[in-house]
Amino acid sequence: MAVSDIEIRDDRAAGRLEAVADGEVVGRIEYFVLDAPGRALVPVHTIVEPAHEGKGIAGSLARELYALAQREGVTVAPLCPYVVKWAERHPDEAPAAGPELLRAAKDWLKAHPGRF
C-alpha cells in the first residue's frame, strides 16, 4: 500500500487526525485544541499500527496536521516527540510555536492527566 492510498481525516470531536486505508484506521495523531493564550492544535501522540510502519504514514499525518492548522489560521504547538522531530526536518512546512504557547500546552496537559 502506498501513502497515496491513504485517506487522512480529521475527527475533531475525538481529537484525532486519522490515516485510513481500506476503511481501516492505520495511524493517527491524537491532539487537543488549545484556546489560550492563542488558538493552537497540540499533537500529543503519533501512532501507526505495526503492520503499516515504515510507509510514511506518520509523516503524512504530521504534514496534514500543519496544513490543517494553516487553513484554520492557527499554530501547531507540538508535544508529541515525533511531530517535534518532523517539524525540525520540515521548517518550511512547520512554523515553530512560541515558548509561551508551548508552555500553555504543557500546562493544559498537566491539568487534564486522564485525557491522553
Protein backbone atom coordinates (compact mmCIF):
# COMPACT_ATOMS: atom_id res chain seq x y z
CA MET A 1 0.00 0.00 0.00
CA ALA A 2 1.33 3.42 -0.96
CA VAL A 3 0.87 6.60 1.05
CA SER A 4 -1.26 7.84 -1.86
CA ASP A 5 -3.79 5.11 -0.97
CA ILE A 6 -4.25 6.64 2.48
CA GLU A 7 -7.11 9.00 3.26
CA ILE A 8 -6.48 11.42 6.12
CA ARG A 9 -9.49 12.69 8.01
CA ASP A 10 -9.91 14.96 10.99
CA ASP A 11 -12.12 13.69 13.80
CA ARG A 12 -12.07 16.94 15.76
CA ALA A 13 -14.63 15.76 18.33
CA ALA A 14 -12.41 12.80 19.24
CA GLY A 15 -9.17 14.80 18.91
CA ARG A 16 -7.70 12.54 16.25
CA LEU A 17 -6.28 13.04 12.81
CA GLU A 18 -6.67 9.59 11.27
CA ALA A 19 -4.98 7.82 8.37
CA VAL A 20 -7.46 5.41 6.79
CA ALA A 21 -6.71 2.63 4.30
CA ASP A 22 -9.40 0.29 3.00
CA GLY A 23 -11.81 1.52 5.67
CA GLU A 24 -9.38 0.75 8.49
CA VAL A 25 -7.61 3.33 10.69
CA VAL A 26 -3.91 2.52 10.23
CA GLY A 27 -2.46 5.53 12.04
CA ARG A 28 -3.41 8.63 13.98
CA ILE A 29 -2.20 11.74 15.68
CA GLU A 30 -4.01 12.40 18.96
CA TYR A 31 -4.31 16.11 19.67
CA PHE A 32 -6.27 18.75 21.52
CA VAL A 33 -7.27 22.30 20.69
CA LEU A 34 -5.79 24.95 22.96
CA ASP A 35 -7.79 28.18 23.11
CA ALA A 36 -5.47 30.40 25.12
CA PRO A 37 -3.07 32.23 25.04
CA GLY A 38 -3.59 31.70 21.30
CA ARG A 39 -5.55 29.09 19.42
CA ALA A 40 -3.40 26.06 18.61
CA LEU A 41 -3.57 22.40 17.66
CA VAL A 42 -1.49 20.41 20.13
CA PRO A 43 -0.41 16.93 18.97
CA VAL A 44 0.37 14.61 21.88
CA HIS A 45 0.83 11.15 20.34
CA THR A 46 1.50 9.76 16.87
CA ILE A 47 0.57 6.11 16.47
CA VAL A 48 0.92 3.88 13.40
CA GLU A 49 -0.32 0.31 13.52
CA PRO A 50 2.69 -2.08 13.46
CA ALA A 51 1.68 -3.69 10.14
CA HIS A 52 1.79 -0.24 8.50
CA GLU A 53 5.00 1.19 9.95
CA GLY A 54 7.72 2.42 7.62
CA LYS A 55 5.32 3.51 4.88
CA GLY A 56 5.42 7.26 5.50
CA ILE A 57 2.06 7.37 7.27
CA ALA A 58 3.29 9.27 10.34
CA GLY A 59 4.95 11.89 8.15
CA SER A 60 1.77 12.27 6.08
CA LEU A 61 -0.22 12.77 9.27
CA ALA A 62 2.21 15.41 10.56
CA ARG A 63 2.19 17.21 7.20
CA GLU A 64 -1.62 17.25 7.14
CA LEU A 65 -1.80 18.49 10.75
CA TYR A 66 0.32 21.53 9.83
CA ALA A 67 -1.69 22.07 6.63
CA LEU A 68 -4.92 21.90 8.64
CA ALA A 69 -3.60 24.44 11.14
CA GLN A 70 -2.55 26.73 8.30
CA ARG A 71 -6.02 26.50 6.69
CA GLU A 72 -7.59 27.39 10.07
CA GLY A 73 -5.10 30.19 10.74
CA VAL A 74 -3.83 28.60 13.95
CA THR A 75 -0.49 27.37 15.25
CA VAL A 76 0.71 23.84 15.94
CA ALA A 77 2.27 23.51 19.40
CA PRO A 78 3.77 20.00 19.25
CA LEU A 79 4.23 17.99 22.43
CA CYS A 80 4.49 14.69 20.53
CA PRO A 81 8.19 13.80 20.10
CA TYR A 82 7.60 12.52 16.55
CA VAL A 83 5.88 15.73 15.43
CA VAL A 84 8.62 17.83 17.07
CA LYS A 85 11.27 15.94 15.07
CA TRP A 86 9.21 16.08 11.88
CA ALA A 87 8.81 19.84 12.27
CA GLU A 88 12.57 20.28 12.75
CA ARG A 89 13.15 18.43 9.47
CA HIS A 90 10.46 20.44 7.60
CA PRO A 91 10.75 24.06 8.81
CA ASP A 92 9.24 25.33 5.54
CA GLU A 93 6.00 23.44 6.28
CA ALA A 94 6.05 23.62 10.08
CA PRO A 95 6.37 27.09 11.59
CA ALA A 96 7.69 26.99 15.14
CA ALA A 97 5.37 27.69 18.05
CA GLY A 98 6.45 30.27 20.56
CA PRO A 99 7.64 29.28 24.04
CA GLU A 100 4.58 30.81 25.74
CA LEU A 101 2.25 28.70 23.61
CA LEU A 102 4.25 25.53 24.25
CA ARG A 103 4.23 26.25 27.99
CA ALA A 104 0.45 26.77 27.92
CA ALA A 105 0.02 23.47 26.03
CA LYS A 106 2.13 21.62 28.63
CA ASP A 107 0.15 23.25 31.44
CA TRP A 108 -3.14 22.18 29.83
CA LEU A 109 -1.88 18.62 29.53
CA LYS A 110 -0.83 18.56 33.21
CA ALA A 111 -4.26 19.88 34.21
CA HIS A 112 -6.01 17.10 32.24
CA PRO A 113 -3.97 13.99 33.21
CA GLY A 114 -6.55 11.41 32.10
CA ARG A 115 -7.04 12.87 28.63
CA PHE A 116 -4.01 11.22 26.96
